[in-house]
Amino acid sequence: MTIQTKTPNLLDNLPIPVRAKLSAAWTSLMFFVIYVDYFHLYQPGAIDQIRGGVIYEFDISGPLLTIFVVVIGIPALMILLSMTLSARVNRSTNLVVASLYIPIMVFNAASTDWEWASFYALSIGIEVLILVFVLRSAWTWPRTAPSATMQTMLTRPDHEATRAQYPKS
């Protein structure tokens, strides 16, 4: 009798931890927000408006810039927190913060006119899509203990390559 072994396929998609998915999503959001803000500077008159001391309808001031730091600092912290918080706290934090950030991202449309509607609709749409991914990932976070999940995965016969990555205990 011949025993067939399945040769591991290096292109198999190994499971990605929810923490890594969340951290990657917050990182994507951060990069995208930075680029959208940068591209906004190409709009005629944007730099002149900033030089004149105004952003949107708000006078540039210490409190306004503090608000901007908070608004962008929270997603920056979420990159770290998504990788370090306990699963239960992590799930709740991501659900709350992502839910609060959808209206913040939509607020960017308040200052636009029809000429720039497509730019803002697309950019806000992508930002909201990333936040919906965060919400979905956090909401569907498996309720089983990671060690039990990993043990189950490592004992399955079809995961030879995964099993080879972890030392026997």
C-alpha atoms as a PDB file:
ATOM      1  CA  MET A   1       0.000   0.000   0.000  1.00  0.00           C
ATOM      2  CA  THR A   2       1.364   3.392  -0.996  1.00  0.00           C
ATOM      3  CA  ILE A   3       0.815   6.359   1.255  1.00  0.00           C
ATOM      4  CA  GLN A   4       0.226   9.534  -0.670  1.00  0.00           C
ATOM      5  CA  THR A   5       1.458  12.737   0.843  1.00  0.00           C
ATOM      6  CA  LYS A   6       0.305  16.063  -0.358  1.00  0.00           C
ATOM      7  CA  THR A   7       3.171  18.301  -1.345  1.00  0.00           C
ATOM      8  CA  PRO A   8       2.605  21.680   0.268  1.00  0.00           C
ATOM      9  CA  ASN A   9       1.767  24.412  -2.167  1.00  0.00           C
ATOM     10  CA  LEU A  10       3.744  27.514  -1.318  1.00  0.00           C
ATOM     11  CA  LEU A  11       0.963  29.609  -2.817  1.00  0.00           C
ATOM     12  CA  ASP A  12      -1.630  28.351  -0.306  1.00  0.00           C
ATOM     13  CA  ASN A  13      -3.278  31.186   1.547  1.00  0.00           C
ATOM     14  CA  LEU A  14      -2.450  30.731   5.186  1.00  0.00           C
ATOM     15  CA  PRO A  15      -4.882  32.306   7.641  1.00  0.00           C
ATOM     16  CA  ILE A  16      -4.069  35.918   8.483  1.00  0.00           C
ATOM     17  CA  PRO A  17      -4.647  36.882  12.115  1.00  0.00           C
ATOM     18  CA  VAL A  18      -7.477  39.371  12.657  1.00  0.00           C
ATOM     19  CA  ARG A  19      -5.045  41.667  14.479  1.00  0.00           C
ATOM     20  CA  ALA A  20      -2.872  41.878  11.365  1.00  0.00           C
ATOM     21  CA  LYS A  21      -5.893  42.536   9.130  1.00  0.00           C
ATOM     22  CA  LEU A  22      -7.064  45.352  11.393  1.00  0.00           C
ATOM     23  CA  SER A  23      -3.621  46.898  11.664  1.00  0.00           C
ATOM     24  CA  ALA A  24      -3.179  46.718   7.886  1.00  0.00           C
ATOM     25  CA  ALA A  25      -6.574  48.345   7.326  1.00  0.00           C
ATOM     26  CA  TRP A  26      -5.772  51.241   9.678  1.00  0.00           C
ATOM     27  CA  THR A  27      -2.390  51.621   7.940  1.00  0.00           C
ATOM     28  CA  SER A  28      -4.118  51.725   4.545  1.00  0.00           C
ATOM     29  CA  LEU A  29      -6.535  54.334   5.842  1.00  0.00           C
ATOM     30  CA  MET A  30      -3.668  56.468   7.155  1.00  0.00           C
ATOM     31  CA  PHE A  31      -1.777  56.368   3.853  1.00  0.00           C
ATOM     32  CA  PHE A  32      -4.905  57.100   1.884  1.00  0.00           C
ATOM     33  CA  VAL A  33      -5.948  60.047   4.072  1.00  0.00           C
ATOM     34  CA  ILE A  34      -2.474  61.536   3.736  1.00  0.00           C
ATOM     35  CA  TYR A  35      -2.572  61.254  -0.057  1.00  0.00           C
ATOM     36  CA  VAL A  36      -6.097  62.668  -0.309  1.00  0.00           C
ATOM     37  CA  ASP A  37      -5.005  65.647   1.800  1.00  0.00           C
ATOM     38  CA  TYR A  38      -1.945  66.062  -0.398  1.00  0.00           C
ATOM     39  CA  PHE A  39      -3.971  65.880  -3.639  1.00  0.00           C
ATOM     40  CA  HIS A  40      -6.353  68.458  -2.204  1.00  0.00           C
ATOM     41  CA  LEU A  41      -3.490  70.955  -2.366  1.00  0.00           C
ATOM     42  CA  TYR A  42      -3.618  70.739  -6.174  1.00  0.00           C
ATOM     43  CA  GLN A  43      -7.035  72.363  -6.226  1.00  0.00           C
ATOM     44  CA  PRO A  44      -6.743  75.933  -7.473  1.00  0.00           C
ATOM     45  CA  GLY A  45      -6.660  78.358  -4.574  1.00  0.00           C
ATOM     46  CA  ALA A  46      -6.131  75.714  -1.866  1.00  0.00           C
ATOM     47  CA  ILE A  47      -2.613  76.821  -0.977  1.00  0.00           C
ATOM     48  CA  ASP A  48      -3.599  80.495  -1.167  1.00  0.00           C
ATOM     49  CA  GLN A  49      -6.464  79.774   1.231  1.00  0.00           C
ATOM     50  CA  ILE A  50      -4.066  78.080   3.659  1.00  0.00           C
ATOM     51  CA  ARG A  51      -1.591  80.979   3.347  1.00  0.00           C
ATOM     52  CA  GLY A  52      -4.511  83.272   4.115  1.00  0.00           C
ATOM     53  CA  GLY A  53      -4.997  81.443   7.393  1.00  0.00           C
ATOM     54  CA  VAL A  54      -8.127  79.453   6.533  1.00  0.00           C
ATOM     55  CA  ILE A  55      -8.850  75.755   6.035  1.00  0.00           C
ATOM     56  CA  TYR A  56     -12.346  75.125   4.728  1.00  0.00           C
ATOM     57  CA  GLU A  57     -14.324  77.696   6.699  1.00  0.00           C
ATOM     58  CA  PHE A  58     -12.149  77.531   9.811  1.00  0.00           C
ATOM     59  CA  ASP A  59      -9.416  79.960  10.831  1.00  0.00           C
ATOM     60  CA  ILE A  60      -6.110  78.171  11.272  1.00  0.00           C
ATOM     61  CA  SER A  61      -5.363  78.184  14.996  1.00  0.00           C
ATOM     62  CA  GLY A  62      -3.780  76.096  17.700  1.00  0.00           C
ATOM     63  CA  PRO A  63      -7.099  74.489  18.666  1.00  0.00           C
ATOM     64  CA  LEU A  64      -7.897  73.635  15.014  1.00  0.00           C
ATOM     65  CA  LEU A  65      -4.507  72.015  14.492  1.00  0.00           C
ATOM     66  CA  THR A  66      -4.938  70.152  17.788  1.00  0.00           C
ATOM     67  CA  ILE A  67      -8.237  68.775  16.489  1.00  0.00           C
ATOM     68  CA  PHE A  68      -6.445  67.694  13.289  1.00  0.00           C
ATOM     69  CA  VAL A  69      -3.759  65.912  15.330  1.00  0.00           C
ATOM     70  CA  VAL A  70      -6.441  64.080  17.323  1.00  0.00           C
ATOM     71  CA  VAL A  71      -8.390  63.161  14.188  1.00  0.00           C
ATOM     72  CA  ILE A  72      -5.324  61.697  12.477  1.00  0.00           C
ATOM     73  CA  GLY A  73      -3.633  60.487  15.690  1.00  0.00           C
ATOM     74  CA  ILE A  74      -6.412  58.092  16.625  1.00  0.00           C
ATOM     75  CA  PRO A  75      -6.115  55.981  13.438  1.00  0.00           C
ATOM     76  CA  ALA A  76      -2.324  56.069  13.881  1.00  0.00           C
ATOM     77  CA  LEU A  77      -2.764  54.657  17.389  1.00  0.00           C
ATOM     78  CA  MET A  78      -5.224  52.074  16.074  1.00  0.00           C
ATOM     79  CA  ILE A  79      -2.407  50.552  14.011  1.00  0.00           C
ATOM     80  CA  LEU A  80      -0.518  49.838  17.231  1.00  0.00           C
ATOM     81  CA  LEU A  81      -3.549  49.025  19.365  1.00  0.00           C
ATOM     82  CA  SER A  82      -4.894  46.531  16.815  1.00  0.00           C
ATOM     83  CA  MET A  83      -1.711  44.507  17.228  1.00  0.00           C
ATOM     84  CA  THR A  84      -1.372  44.779  21.005  1.00  0.00           C
ATOM     85  CA  LEU A  85      -4.737  44.942  22.780  1.00  0.00           C
ATOM     86  CA  SER A  86      -6.380  41.810  24.104  1.00  0.00           C
ATOM     87  CA  ALA A  87      -8.863  40.270  21.670  1.00  0.00           C
ATOM     88  CA  ARG A  88     -11.996  41.380  23.554  1.00  0.00           C
ATOM     89  CA  VAL A  89     -10.830  44.987  24.056  1.00  0.00           C
ATOM     90  CA  ASN A  90      -9.398  45.076  20.543  1.00  0.00           C
ATOM     91  CA  ARG A  91     -12.706  44.012  18.992  1.00  0.00           C
ATOM     92  CA  SER A  92     -14.705  46.594  20.944  1.00  0.00           C
ATOM     93  CA  THR A  93     -12.206  49.386  20.329  1.00  0.00           C
ATOM     94  CA  ASN A  94     -12.133  48.757  16.589  1.00  0.00           C
ATOM     95  CA  LEU A  95     -15.927  48.636  16.393  1.00  0.00           C
ATOM     96  CA  VAL A  96     -16.329  51.912  18.275  1.00  0.00           C
ATOM     97  CA  VAL A  97     -13.526  53.854  16.580  1.00  0.00           C
ATOM     98  CA  ALA A  98     -14.384  52.722  13.042  1.00  0.00           C
ATOM     99  CA  SER A  99     -18.058  53.585  13.645  1.00  0.00           C
ATOM    100  CA  LEU A 100     -17.099  57.065  14.845  1.00  0.00           C
ATOM    101  CA  TYR A 101     -14.724  57.640  11.944  1.00  0.00           C
ATOM    102  CA  ILE A 102     -17.247  57.065   9.153  1.00  0.00           C
ATOM    103  CA  PRO A 103     -19.006  60.412   9.831  1.00  0.00           C
ATOM    104  CA  ILE A 104     -15.623  62.116  10.265  1.00  0.00           C
ATOM    105  CA  MET A 105     -14.569  60.939   6.797  1.00  0.00           C
ATOM    106  CA  VAL A 106     -17.907  61.955   5.280  1.00  0.00           C
ATOM    107  CA  PHE A 107     -17.468  65.447   6.793  1.00  0.00           C
ATOM    108  CA  ASN A 108     -14.759  66.088   4.172  1.00  0.00           C
ATOM    109  CA  ALA A 109     -17.508  66.490   1.585  1.00  0.00           C
ATOM    110  CA  ALA A 110     -18.875  69.538   3.436  1.00  0.00           C
ATOM    111  CA  SER A 111     -16.400  71.911   1.829  1.00  0.00           C
ATOM    112  CA  THR A 112     -16.684  70.746  -1.763  1.00  0.00           C
ATOM    113  CA  ASP A 113     -18.573  72.004  -4.764  1.00  0.00           C
ATOM    114  CA  TRP A 114     -19.849  70.062  -7.789  1.00  0.00           C
ATOM    115  CA  GLU A 115     -16.611  70.527  -9.709  1.00  0.00           C
ATOM    116  CA  TRP A 116     -14.755  68.398  -7.126  1.00  0.00           C
ATOM    117  CA  ALA A 117     -17.628  66.054  -6.260  1.00  0.00           C
ATOM    118  CA  SER A 118     -16.118  63.044  -8.041  1.00  0.00           C
ATOM    119  CA  PHE A 119     -12.782  63.484  -6.210  1.00  0.00           C
ATOM    120  CA  TYR A 120     -14.479  63.638  -2.823  1.00  0.00           C
ATOM    121  CA  ALA A 121     -17.041  60.934  -3.602  1.00  0.00           C
ATOM    122  CA  LEU A 122     -14.336  58.489  -4.657  1.00  0.00           C
ATOM    123  CA  SER A 123     -11.939  59.339  -1.830  1.00  0.00           C
ATOM    124  CA  ILE A 124     -14.633  59.254   0.849  1.00  0.00           C
ATOM    125  CA  GLY A 125     -15.999  56.052  -0.666  1.00  0.00           C
ATOM    126  CA  ILE A 126     -12.609  54.354  -0.360  1.00  0.00           C
ATOM    127  CA  GLU A 127     -12.130  55.618   3.208  1.00  0.00           C
ATOM    128  CA  VAL A 128     -15.564  54.325   4.198  1.00  0.00           C
ATOM    129  CA  LEU A 129     -14.885  51.010   2.441  1.00  0.00           C
ATOM    130  CA  ILE A 130     -11.709  50.563   4.514  1.00  0.00           C
ATOM    131  CA  LEU A 131     -13.634  51.401   7.702  1.00  0.00           C
ATOM    132  CA  VAL A 132     -16.390  48.936   6.760  1.00  0.00           C
ATOM    133  CA  PHE A 133     -13.649  46.313   6.371  1.00  0.00           C
ATOM    134  CA  VAL A 134     -12.453  47.173   9.900  1.00  0.00           C
ATOM    135  CA  LEU A 135     -16.014  46.875  11.218  1.00  0.00           C
ATOM    136  CA  ARG A 136     -16.597  43.560   9.460  1.00  0.00           C
ATOM    137  CA  SER A 137     -13.256  42.109  10.587  1.00  0.00           C
ATOM    138  CA  ALA A 138     -13.817  43.152  14.191  1.00  0.00           C
ATOM    139  CA  TRP A 139     -17.460  42.040  14.204  1.00  0.00           C
ATOM    140  CA  THR A 140     -16.682  38.575  12.787  1.00  0.00           C
ATOM    141  CA  TRP A 141     -13.599  38.033  14.968  1.00  0.00           C
ATOM    142  CA  PRO A 142     -13.632  34.324  15.910  1.00  0.00           C
ATOM    143  CA  ARG A 143     -14.743  33.713  19.483  1.00  0.00           C
ATOM    144  CA  THR A 144     -12.491  30.674  19.955  1.00  0.00           C
ATOM    145  CA  ALA A 145      -9.207  30.872  21.793  1.00  0.00           C
ATOM    146  CA  PRO A 146      -6.275  31.503  19.422  1.00  0.00           C
ATOM    147  CA  SER A 147      -4.321  28.579  20.845  1.00  0.00           C
ATOM    148  CA  ALA A 148      -7.207  26.205  20.171  1.00  0.00           C
ATOM    149  CA  THR A 149      -7.604  27.569  16.654  1.00  0.00           C
ATOM    150  CA  MET A 150      -3.887  27.243  15.968  1.00  0.00           C
ATOM    151  CA  GLN A 151      -3.810  23.734  17.436  1.00  0.00           C
ATOM    152  CA  THR A 152      -6.722  22.688  15.234  1.00  0.00           C
ATOM    153  CA  MET A 153      -5.032  24.181  12.192  1.00  0.00           C
ATOM    154  CA  LEU A 154      -1.711  22.526  12.975  1.00  0.00           C
ATOM    155  CA  THR A 155      -3.225  19.077  13.434  1.00  0.00           C
ATOM    156  CA  ARG A 156      -5.137  19.074  10.155  1.00  0.00           C
ATOM    157  CA  PRO A 157      -3.441  16.776   7.616  1.00  0.00           C
ATOM    158  CA  ASP A 158      -3.797  19.307   4.782  1.00  0.00           C
ATOM    159  CA  HIS A 159      -1.630  21.903   6.542  1.00  0.00           C
ATOM    160  CA  GLU A 160       1.797  20.266   6.308  1.00  0.00           C
ATOM    161  CA  ALA A 161       3.521  23.523   5.342  1.00  0.00           C
ATOM    162  CA  THR A 162       1.956  25.431   8.220  1.00  0.00           C
ATOM    163  CA  ARG A 163       2.893  22.702  10.675  1.00  0.00           C
ATOM    164  CA  ALA A 164       6.516  22.837   9.480  1.00  0.00           C
ATOM    165  CA  GLN A 165       6.742  26.535  10.462  1.00  0.00           C
ATOM    166  CA  TYR A 166       6.036  25.887  14.133  1.00  0.00           C
ATOM    167  CA  PRO A 167       8.270  23.945  16.516  1.00  0.00           C
ATOM    168  CA  LYS A 168       6.805  20.878  18.143  1.00  0.00           C
ATOM    169  CA  SER A 169       5.834  21.399  21.741  1.00  0.00           C
END
